[in-house]
Amino acid sequence: MSPKLFVVFYRPRYGNFLHWALHIEKGEEHHIIEVDGERPQFKRNTFMENPKESGTFLRQFFIAVLGEDDVERVKSAAQSVPVDNETVEWDCQDYVLEILDKLQEDFVLDKDDEDYRDVRKILMEERGGSV
């Protein structure tokens, strides 16, 4: 079974905005990639959990089917995107969008794929959204 990439929405942990994270589903394995906390103490966080089992899970959006090598490329992209504790407006949603941008640059995601463009538009419309 090929790994799949999702963006997960959770109820807010801090403030009013929805919490966003990336979810890599590989069979029964689930990898969550996020930033947690509040400015100026955001921290990169990764853990293994099925997001649907979280009490704060709301929904997730399918992004792409990944190749086997792409799982490590997603993790690497997440490590390369800086955590911005300086910009007042920066948060977990920006982190997820910046990782997706990096994955486009690295040709893991195809910005011309119609399904990806549709979900990217939804993400941009949901940006800053609250419950």
C-alpha atoms as a PDB file:
ATOM      1  CA  MET A   1       0.000   0.000   0.000  1.00  0.00           C
ATOM      2  CA  SER A   2       1.451   3.359  -1.046  1.00  0.00           C
ATOM      3  CA  PRO A   3       1.882   6.063   1.595  1.00  0.00           C
ATOM      4  CA  LYS A   4      -0.582   8.949   1.512  1.00  0.00           C
ATOM      5  CA  LEU A   5      -0.164  12.568   2.583  1.00  0.00           C
ATOM      6  CA  PHE A   6      -2.936  14.558   4.275  1.00  0.00           C
ATOM      7  CA  VAL A   7      -3.395  17.910   5.981  1.00  0.00           C
ATOM      8  CA  VAL A   8      -5.211  17.402   9.275  1.00  0.00           C
ATOM      9  CA  PHE A   9      -7.394  19.974  11.032  1.00  0.00           C
ATOM     10  CA  TYR A  10      -7.738  19.804  14.806  1.00  0.00           C
ATOM     11  CA  ARG A  11      -9.687  21.956  17.218  1.00  0.00           C
ATOM     12  CA  PRO A  12      -7.589  24.908  18.396  1.00  0.00           C
ATOM     13  CA  ARG A  13      -4.971  24.162  21.033  1.00  0.00           C
ATOM     14  CA  TYR A  14      -4.132  27.817  21.613  1.00  0.00           C
ATOM     15  CA  GLY A  15      -6.222  30.805  20.595  1.00  0.00           C
ATOM     16  CA  ASN A  16      -9.083  30.526  18.108  1.00  0.00           C
ATOM     17  CA  PHE A  17      -7.485  29.206  14.917  1.00  0.00           C
ATOM     18  CA  LEU A  18      -7.704  25.593  13.823  1.00  0.00           C
ATOM     19  CA  HIS A  19      -4.539  23.606  14.432  1.00  0.00           C
ATOM     20  CA  TRP A  20      -3.051  22.141  11.232  1.00  0.00           C
ATOM     21  CA  ALA A  21      -0.595  19.268  10.848  1.00  0.00           C
ATOM     22  CA  LEU A  22       0.671  16.945   8.134  1.00  0.00           C
ATOM     23  CA  HIS A  23      -0.269  13.283   8.314  1.00  0.00           C
ATOM     24  CA  ILE A  24       1.585  10.525   6.497  1.00  0.00           C
ATOM     25  CA  GLU A  25      -0.400   7.305   6.444  1.00  0.00           C
ATOM     26  CA  LYS A  26       1.585   4.225   5.511  1.00  0.00           C
ATOM     27  CA  GLY A  27      -0.567   1.156   6.110  1.00  0.00           C
ATOM     28  CA  GLU A  28      -1.078   1.008   9.878  1.00  0.00           C
ATOM     29  CA  GLU A  29       1.696   3.571  10.502  1.00  0.00           C
ATOM     30  CA  HIS A  30       0.713   7.173  11.073  1.00  0.00           C
ATOM     31  CA  HIS A  31       3.232  10.026  11.231  1.00  0.00           C
ATOM     32  CA  ILE A  32       2.149  13.492  12.362  1.00  0.00           C
ATOM     33  CA  ILE A  33       4.328  16.515  11.602  1.00  0.00           C
ATOM     34  CA  GLU A  34       3.464  19.852  13.203  1.00  0.00           C
ATOM     35  CA  VAL A  35       4.617  22.858  15.150  1.00  0.00           C
ATOM     36  CA  ASP A  36       3.195  23.087  18.635  1.00  0.00           C
ATOM     37  CA  GLY A  37       2.994  25.906  21.135  1.00  0.00           C
ATOM     38  CA  GLU A  38       2.624  29.627  20.729  1.00  0.00           C
ATOM     39  CA  ARG A  39       4.872  32.409  19.567  1.00  0.00           C
ATOM     40  CA  PRO A  40       7.675  32.878  20.629  1.00  0.00           C
ATOM     41  CA  GLN A  41       8.000  29.240  21.698  1.00  0.00           C
ATOM     42  CA  PHE A  42       6.825  27.227  18.690  1.00  0.00           C
ATOM     43  CA  LYS A  43       8.564  23.862  18.492  1.00  0.00           C
ATOM     44  CA  ARG A  44       8.711  21.313  15.710  1.00  0.00           C
ATOM     45  CA  ASN A  45       6.942  18.138  16.797  1.00  0.00           C
ATOM     46  CA  THR A  46       6.603  14.704  15.212  1.00  0.00           C
ATOM     47  CA  PHE A  47       4.878  11.666  16.600  1.00  0.00           C
ATOM     48  CA  MET A  48       3.127   8.501  15.522  1.00  0.00           C
ATOM     49  CA  GLU A  49      -0.635   8.542  16.034  1.00  0.00           C
ATOM     50  CA  ASN A  50      -3.728   8.041  13.934  1.00  0.00           C
ATOM     51  CA  PRO A  51      -5.178  11.573  13.946  1.00  0.00           C
ATOM     52  CA  LYS A  52      -8.717  10.198  13.845  1.00  0.00           C
ATOM     53  CA  GLU A  53      -8.156   8.793  17.343  1.00  0.00           C
ATOM     54  CA  SER A  54      -7.458  12.250  18.768  1.00  0.00           C
ATOM     55  CA  GLY A  55     -10.255  13.912  20.706  1.00  0.00           C
ATOM     56  CA  THR A  56      -9.482  17.174  18.898  1.00  0.00           C
ATOM     57  CA  PHE A  57      -9.549  15.752  15.332  1.00  0.00           C
ATOM     58  CA  LEU A  58     -11.960  17.562  13.002  1.00  0.00           C
ATOM     59  CA  ARG A  59     -11.159  16.453   9.442  1.00  0.00           C
ATOM     60  CA  GLN A  60      -8.342  15.813   7.024  1.00  0.00           C
ATOM     61  CA  PHE A  61      -7.741  16.646   3.387  1.00  0.00           C
ATOM     62  CA  PHE A  62      -6.045  14.215   1.017  1.00  0.00           C
ATOM     63  CA  ILE A  63      -2.999  15.791  -0.642  1.00  0.00           C
ATOM     64  CA  ALA A  64      -1.244  13.033  -2.607  1.00  0.00           C
ATOM     65  CA  VAL A  65      -0.155   9.428  -2.893  1.00  0.00           C
ATOM     66  CA  LEU A  66       3.551   9.323  -2.120  1.00  0.00           C
ATOM     67  CA  GLY A  67       6.291   7.126  -3.470  1.00  0.00           C
ATOM     68  CA  GLU A  68       8.250   5.088  -0.899  1.00  0.00           C
ATOM     69  CA  ASP A  69      11.198   7.516  -1.115  1.00  0.00           C
ATOM     70  CA  ASP A  70       8.883  10.509  -0.730  1.00  0.00           C
ATOM     71  CA  VAL A  71       8.113   9.763   2.937  1.00  0.00           C
ATOM     72  CA  GLU A  72      11.687  10.666   3.867  1.00  0.00           C
ATOM     73  CA  ARG A  73      11.539  13.657   1.521  1.00  0.00           C
ATOM     74  CA  VAL A  74       8.450  14.959   3.361  1.00  0.00           C
ATOM     75  CA  LYS A  75      10.198  14.525   6.717  1.00  0.00           C
ATOM     76  CA  SER A  76      13.296  16.244   5.353  1.00  0.00           C
ATOM     77  CA  ALA A  77      11.229  19.140   3.975  1.00  0.00           C
ATOM     78  CA  ALA A  78       9.569  19.543   7.382  1.00  0.00           C
ATOM     79  CA  GLN A  79      13.008  19.744   9.018  1.00  0.00           C
ATOM     80  CA  SER A  80      14.227  22.286   6.452  1.00  0.00           C
ATOM     81  CA  VAL A  81      11.295  24.692   6.870  1.00  0.00           C
ATOM     82  CA  PRO A  82      12.273  27.109   9.640  1.00  0.00           C
ATOM     83  CA  VAL A  83      10.113  27.529  12.728  1.00  0.00           C
ATOM     84  CA  ASP A  84       9.389  31.270  12.830  1.00  0.00           C
ATOM     85  CA  ASN A  85       9.126  32.560  16.376  1.00  0.00           C
ATOM     86  CA  GLU A  86       9.669  36.174  15.269  1.00  0.00           C
ATOM     87  CA  THR A  87       6.695  36.899  12.975  1.00  0.00           C
ATOM     88  CA  VAL A  88       3.553  37.653  15.000  1.00  0.00           C
ATOM     89  CA  GLU A  89       1.146  36.230  12.386  1.00  0.00           C
ATOM     90  CA  TRP A  90       3.104  32.989  11.729  1.00  0.00           C
ATOM     91  CA  ASP A  91       1.619  29.754  13.074  1.00  0.00           C
ATOM     92  CA  CYS A  92       1.063  26.019  12.466  1.00  0.00           C
ATOM     93  CA  GLN A  93      -0.981  26.751   9.347  1.00  0.00           C
ATOM     94  CA  ASP A  94       1.925  28.655   7.789  1.00  0.00           C
ATOM     95  CA  TYR A  95       4.264  25.802   8.698  1.00  0.00           C
ATOM     96  CA  VAL A  96       2.089  23.283   6.830  1.00  0.00           C
ATOM     97  CA  LEU A  97       1.716  25.552   3.782  1.00  0.00           C
ATOM     98  CA  GLU A  98       5.469  26.223   3.692  1.00  0.00           C
ATOM     99  CA  ILE A  99       6.184  22.484   3.770  1.00  0.00           C
ATOM    100  CA  LEU A 100       3.749  21.966   0.878  1.00  0.00           C
ATOM    101  CA  ASP A 101       5.548  24.755  -1.021  1.00  0.00           C
ATOM    102  CA  LYS A 102       8.888  23.039  -0.374  1.00  0.00           C
ATOM    103  CA  LEU A 103       7.465  19.721  -1.590  1.00  0.00           C
ATOM    104  CA  GLN A 104       6.367  21.443  -4.806  1.00  0.00           C
ATOM    105  CA  GLU A 105       9.884  22.878  -5.252  1.00  0.00           C
ATOM    106  CA  ASP A 106      11.322  19.388  -4.702  1.00  0.00           C
ATOM    107  CA  PHE A 107       8.829  17.870  -7.207  1.00  0.00           C
ATOM    108  CA  VAL A 108       7.231  15.605  -4.598  1.00  0.00           C
ATOM    109  CA  LEU A 109       3.942  17.425  -5.232  1.00  0.00           C
ATOM    110  CA  ASP A 110       2.823  18.500  -8.688  1.00  0.00           C
ATOM    111  CA  LYS A 111       1.472  22.056  -8.531  1.00  0.00           C
ATOM    112  CA  ASP A 112      -0.240  21.437 -11.893  1.00  0.00           C
ATOM    113  CA  ASP A 113      -2.196  18.413 -10.654  1.00  0.00           C
ATOM    114  CA  GLU A 114      -5.867  19.403 -10.687  1.00  0.00           C
ATOM    115  CA  ASP A 115      -6.772  17.533  -7.487  1.00  0.00           C
ATOM    116  CA  TYR A 116      -3.842  19.099  -5.623  1.00  0.00           C
ATOM    117  CA  ARG A 117      -4.762  22.568  -6.922  1.00  0.00           C
ATOM    118  CA  ASP A 118      -8.343  22.051  -5.700  1.00  0.00           C
ATOM    119  CA  VAL A 119      -7.280  21.044  -2.188  1.00  0.00           C
ATOM    120  CA  ARG A 120      -4.688  23.827  -2.053  1.00  0.00           C
ATOM    121  CA  LYS A 121      -7.478  26.304  -2.853  1.00  0.00           C
ATOM    122  CA  ILE A 122      -9.560  24.858   0.002  1.00  0.00           C
ATOM    123  CA  LEU A 123      -6.601  25.191   2.372  1.00  0.00           C
ATOM    124  CA  MET A 124      -6.109  28.821   1.393  1.00  0.00           C
ATOM    125  CA  GLU A 125      -9.820  29.519   1.950  1.00  0.00           C
ATOM    126  CA  GLU A 126      -9.644  27.806   5.373  1.00  0.00           C
ATOM    127  CA  ARG A 127      -6.482  29.704   6.340  1.00  0.00           C
ATOM    128  CA  GLY A 128      -6.992  31.469   9.644  1.00  0.00           C
ATOM    129  CA  GLY A 129     -10.288  29.645  10.122  1.00  0.00           C
ATOM    130  CA  SER A 130     -11.680  28.875  13.512  1.00  0.00           C
ATOM    131  CA  VAL A 131     -14.183  26.353  14.784  1.00  0.00           C
END
